[in-house]
């Protein structure tokens, strides 16, 4: 994982160009993916964003065992 600790609140721009998926994001992010890799990345992003939201929501709520 990158050593950059900055958290961005702006979405990455995504476009399809010549059969590739192009990501253009903050801090100079410029990535090209195959459609298949983009689909897998999209699935992972959605799954992990849901997990991160839960972590953020529960951060200040200590878990109590049942």
N, C-alpha and C. Protein backbone atom coordinates (compact mmCIF):
# COMPACT_ATOMS: atom_id res chain seq x y z
N UNK A 1 0.84 -1.18 0.00
CA UNK A 1 0.00 0.00 0.00
C UNK A 1 0.88 1.24 0.00
N UNK A 2 0.40 2.29 -0.59
CA UNK A 2 1.13 3.54 -0.72
C UNK A 2 1.37 4.18 0.65
N UNK A 3 2.47 4.93 0.76
CA UNK A 3 2.77 5.63 2.01
C UNK A 3 2.03 6.95 2.11
N UNK A 4 1.34 7.35 1.04
CA UNK A 4 0.57 8.59 1.05
C UNK A 4 -0.59 8.42 2.02
N UNK A 5 -0.68 9.30 3.02
CA UNK A 5 -1.72 9.18 4.03
C UNK A 5 -2.88 10.14 3.80
N UNK A 6 -2.82 10.93 2.74
CA UNK A 6 -3.89 11.87 2.47
C UNK A 6 -5.15 11.13 2.01
N UNK A 7 -6.30 11.55 2.54
CA UNK A 7 -7.58 10.98 2.16
C UNK A 7 -8.32 12.00 1.31
N UNK A 8 -8.73 11.61 0.12
CA UNK A 8 -9.40 12.52 -0.80
C UNK A 8 -10.91 12.39 -0.70
N UNK A 9 -11.60 13.50 -0.89
CA UNK A 9 -13.06 13.48 -0.84
C UNK A 9 -13.66 13.78 -2.21
N UNK A 10 -12.85 13.66 -3.25
CA UNK A 10 -13.37 13.85 -4.60
C UNK A 10 -13.23 12.55 -5.37
N UNK A 11 -14.22 12.28 -6.19
CA UNK A 11 -14.24 11.03 -6.95
C UNK A 11 -13.25 11.07 -8.10
N UNK A 12 -12.80 9.91 -8.50
CA UNK A 12 -11.94 9.78 -9.66
C UNK A 12 -12.79 9.80 -10.92
N UNK A 13 -12.34 10.51 -11.94
CA UNK A 13 -13.05 10.55 -13.22
C UNK A 13 -12.74 9.26 -13.97
N UNK A 14 -13.76 8.68 -14.57
CA UNK A 14 -13.61 7.42 -15.28
C UNK A 14 -14.18 7.57 -16.68
N UNK A 15 -13.44 7.07 -17.68
CA UNK A 15 -13.92 7.12 -19.06
C UNK A 15 -13.47 5.87 -19.81
N UNK A 16 -14.15 5.59 -20.91
CA UNK A 16 -13.78 4.48 -21.79
C UNK A 16 -13.17 5.06 -23.05
N UNK A 17 -11.95 4.61 -23.37
CA UNK A 17 -11.25 5.12 -24.54
C UNK A 17 -10.57 3.96 -25.26
N UNK A 18 -10.92 3.74 -26.49
CA UNK A 18 -10.28 2.71 -27.32
C UNK A 18 -10.25 1.34 -26.65
N UNK A 19 -11.36 0.96 -26.02
CA UNK A 19 -11.46 -0.37 -25.41
C UNK A 19 -10.77 -0.49 -24.06
N UNK A 20 -10.35 0.61 -23.49
CA UNK A 20 -9.73 0.62 -22.17
C UNK A 20 -10.52 1.54 -21.25
N UNK A 21 -10.43 1.27 -19.96
CA UNK A 21 -11.06 2.13 -18.97
C UNK A 21 -9.96 3.00 -18.36
N UNK A 22 -10.17 4.31 -18.40
CA UNK A 22 -9.16 5.27 -17.95
C UNK A 22 -9.64 5.96 -16.68
N UNK A 23 -8.77 5.94 -15.65
CA UNK A 23 -9.06 6.61 -14.39
C UNK A 23 -8.16 7.83 -14.28
N UNK A 24 -8.76 8.97 -13.96
CA UNK A 24 -8.03 10.22 -13.80
C UNK A 24 -8.47 10.82 -12.47
N UNK A 25 -7.60 10.69 -11.47
CA UNK A 25 -8.01 11.09 -10.13
C UNK A 25 -7.10 12.12 -9.51
N UNK A 26 -7.34 12.39 -8.23
CA UNK A 26 -6.55 13.38 -7.51
C UNK A 26 -5.09 12.94 -7.36
N UNK A 27 -4.24 13.90 -7.14
CA UNK A 27 -2.81 13.68 -6.90
C UNK A 27 -2.13 12.98 -8.07
N UNK A 28 -2.59 13.26 -9.28
CA UNK A 28 -1.95 12.76 -10.48
C UNK A 28 -2.25 11.31 -10.82
N UNK A 29 -3.29 10.74 -10.24
CA UNK A 29 -3.65 9.36 -10.57
C UNK A 29 -4.04 9.30 -12.04
N UNK A 30 -3.40 8.40 -12.78
CA UNK A 30 -3.69 8.21 -14.20
C UNK A 30 -3.47 6.74 -14.51
N UNK A 31 -4.56 5.97 -14.58
CA UNK A 31 -4.46 4.52 -14.72
C UNK A 31 -5.34 4.07 -15.87
N UNK A 32 -4.85 3.09 -16.64
CA UNK A 32 -5.63 2.45 -17.69
C UNK A 32 -5.82 0.99 -17.32
N UNK A 33 -7.06 0.51 -17.45
CA UNK A 33 -7.40 -0.87 -17.11
C UNK A 33 -8.12 -1.54 -18.28
N UNK A 34 -8.00 -2.86 -18.34
CA UNK A 34 -8.86 -3.59 -19.27
C UNK A 34 -10.28 -3.53 -18.72
N UNK A 35 -11.28 -3.75 -19.56
CA UNK A 35 -12.66 -3.75 -19.04
C UNK A 35 -12.85 -4.78 -17.92
N UNK A 36 -12.20 -5.93 -18.04
CA UNK A 36 -12.34 -6.97 -17.02
C UNK A 36 -11.72 -6.53 -15.69
N UNK A 37 -10.55 -5.93 -15.75
CA UNK A 37 -9.90 -5.44 -14.52
C UNK A 37 -10.71 -4.31 -13.90
N UNK A 38 -11.30 -3.47 -14.74
CA UNK A 38 -12.13 -2.37 -14.24
C UNK A 38 -13.37 -2.91 -13.53
N UNK A 39 -13.97 -3.97 -14.07
CA UNK A 39 -15.15 -4.57 -13.42
C UNK A 39 -14.78 -5.13 -12.05
N UNK A 40 -13.65 -5.84 -11.98
CA UNK A 40 -13.21 -6.39 -10.70
C UNK A 40 -12.89 -5.28 -9.71
N UNK A 41 -12.24 -4.24 -10.19
CA UNK A 41 -11.91 -3.10 -9.34
C UNK A 41 -13.18 -2.42 -8.83
N UNK A 42 -14.15 -2.25 -9.72
CA UNK A 42 -15.42 -1.64 -9.32
C UNK A 42 -16.12 -2.44 -8.25
N UNK A 43 -16.14 -3.77 -8.42
CA UNK A 43 -16.76 -4.64 -7.41
C UNK A 43 -16.04 -4.49 -6.07
N UNK A 44 -14.71 -4.50 -6.11
CA UNK A 44 -13.93 -4.37 -4.87
C UNK A 44 -14.13 -3.01 -4.22
N UNK A 45 -14.17 -1.96 -5.04
CA UNK A 45 -14.40 -0.62 -4.49
C UNK A 45 -15.74 -0.53 -3.78
N UNK A 46 -16.77 -1.08 -4.38
CA UNK A 46 -18.10 -1.04 -3.76
C UNK A 46 -18.11 -1.83 -2.45
N UNK A 47 -17.56 -3.04 -2.49
CA UNK A 47 -17.53 -3.88 -1.30
C UNK A 47 -16.76 -3.22 -0.15
N UNK A 48 -15.59 -2.68 -0.46
CA UNK A 48 -14.76 -2.09 0.58
C UNK A 48 -15.28 -0.73 1.04
N UNK A 49 -15.97 0.00 0.17
CA UNK A 49 -16.55 1.27 0.60
C UNK A 49 -17.68 1.04 1.60
N UNK A 50 -18.44 -0.02 1.40
CA UNK A 50 -19.49 -0.37 2.36
C UNK A 50 -18.87 -0.76 3.70
N UNK A 51 -17.80 -1.54 3.65
CA UNK A 51 -17.11 -1.95 4.87
C UNK A 51 -16.54 -0.74 5.60
N UNK A 52 -15.91 0.18 4.86
CA UNK A 52 -15.32 1.37 5.47
C UNK A 52 -16.38 2.27 6.10
N UNK A 53 -17.54 2.39 5.45
CA UNK A 53 -18.63 3.18 6.04
C UNK A 53 -19.04 2.60 7.38
N UNK A 54 -19.16 1.28 7.43
CA UNK A 54 -19.52 0.61 8.69
C UNK A 54 -18.47 0.85 9.76
N UNK A 55 -17.19 0.75 9.38
CA UNK A 55 -16.12 1.00 10.33
C UNK A 55 -16.18 2.42 10.87
N UNK A 56 -16.41 3.37 9.96
CA UNK A 56 -16.47 4.78 10.37
C UNK A 56 -17.67 5.00 11.29
N UNK A 57 -18.78 4.38 10.97
CA UNK A 57 -19.99 4.56 11.76
C UNK A 57 -19.83 3.96 13.16
N UNK A 58 -19.16 2.82 13.24
CA UNK A 58 -19.04 2.12 14.51
C UNK A 58 -17.81 2.53 15.32
N UNK A 59 -16.98 3.41 14.77
CA UNK A 59 -15.71 3.81 15.39
C UNK A 59 -15.87 4.23 16.85
N UNK A 60 -16.87 5.02 17.14
CA UNK A 60 -17.06 5.55 18.50
C UNK A 60 -18.13 4.80 19.29
N UNK A 61 -18.53 3.63 18.79
CA UNK A 61 -19.54 2.83 19.47
C UNK A 61 -18.93 1.49 19.86
N UNK A 62 -18.49 1.35 21.10
CA UNK A 62 -17.86 0.09 21.50
C UNK A 62 -18.83 -1.07 21.36
N UNK A 63 -18.32 -2.19 20.88
CA UNK A 63 -19.13 -3.38 20.68
C UNK A 63 -19.43 -4.04 22.04
N UNK A 64 -20.67 -4.44 22.20
CA UNK A 64 -21.05 -5.16 23.39
C UNK A 64 -21.41 -6.58 23.00
N UNK A 65 -20.78 -7.55 23.61
CA UNK A 65 -21.08 -8.95 23.32
C UNK A 65 -22.50 -9.27 23.76
N UNK A 66 -23.16 -10.14 23.01
CA UNK A 66 -24.54 -10.53 23.34
C UNK A 66 -24.59 -11.52 24.46
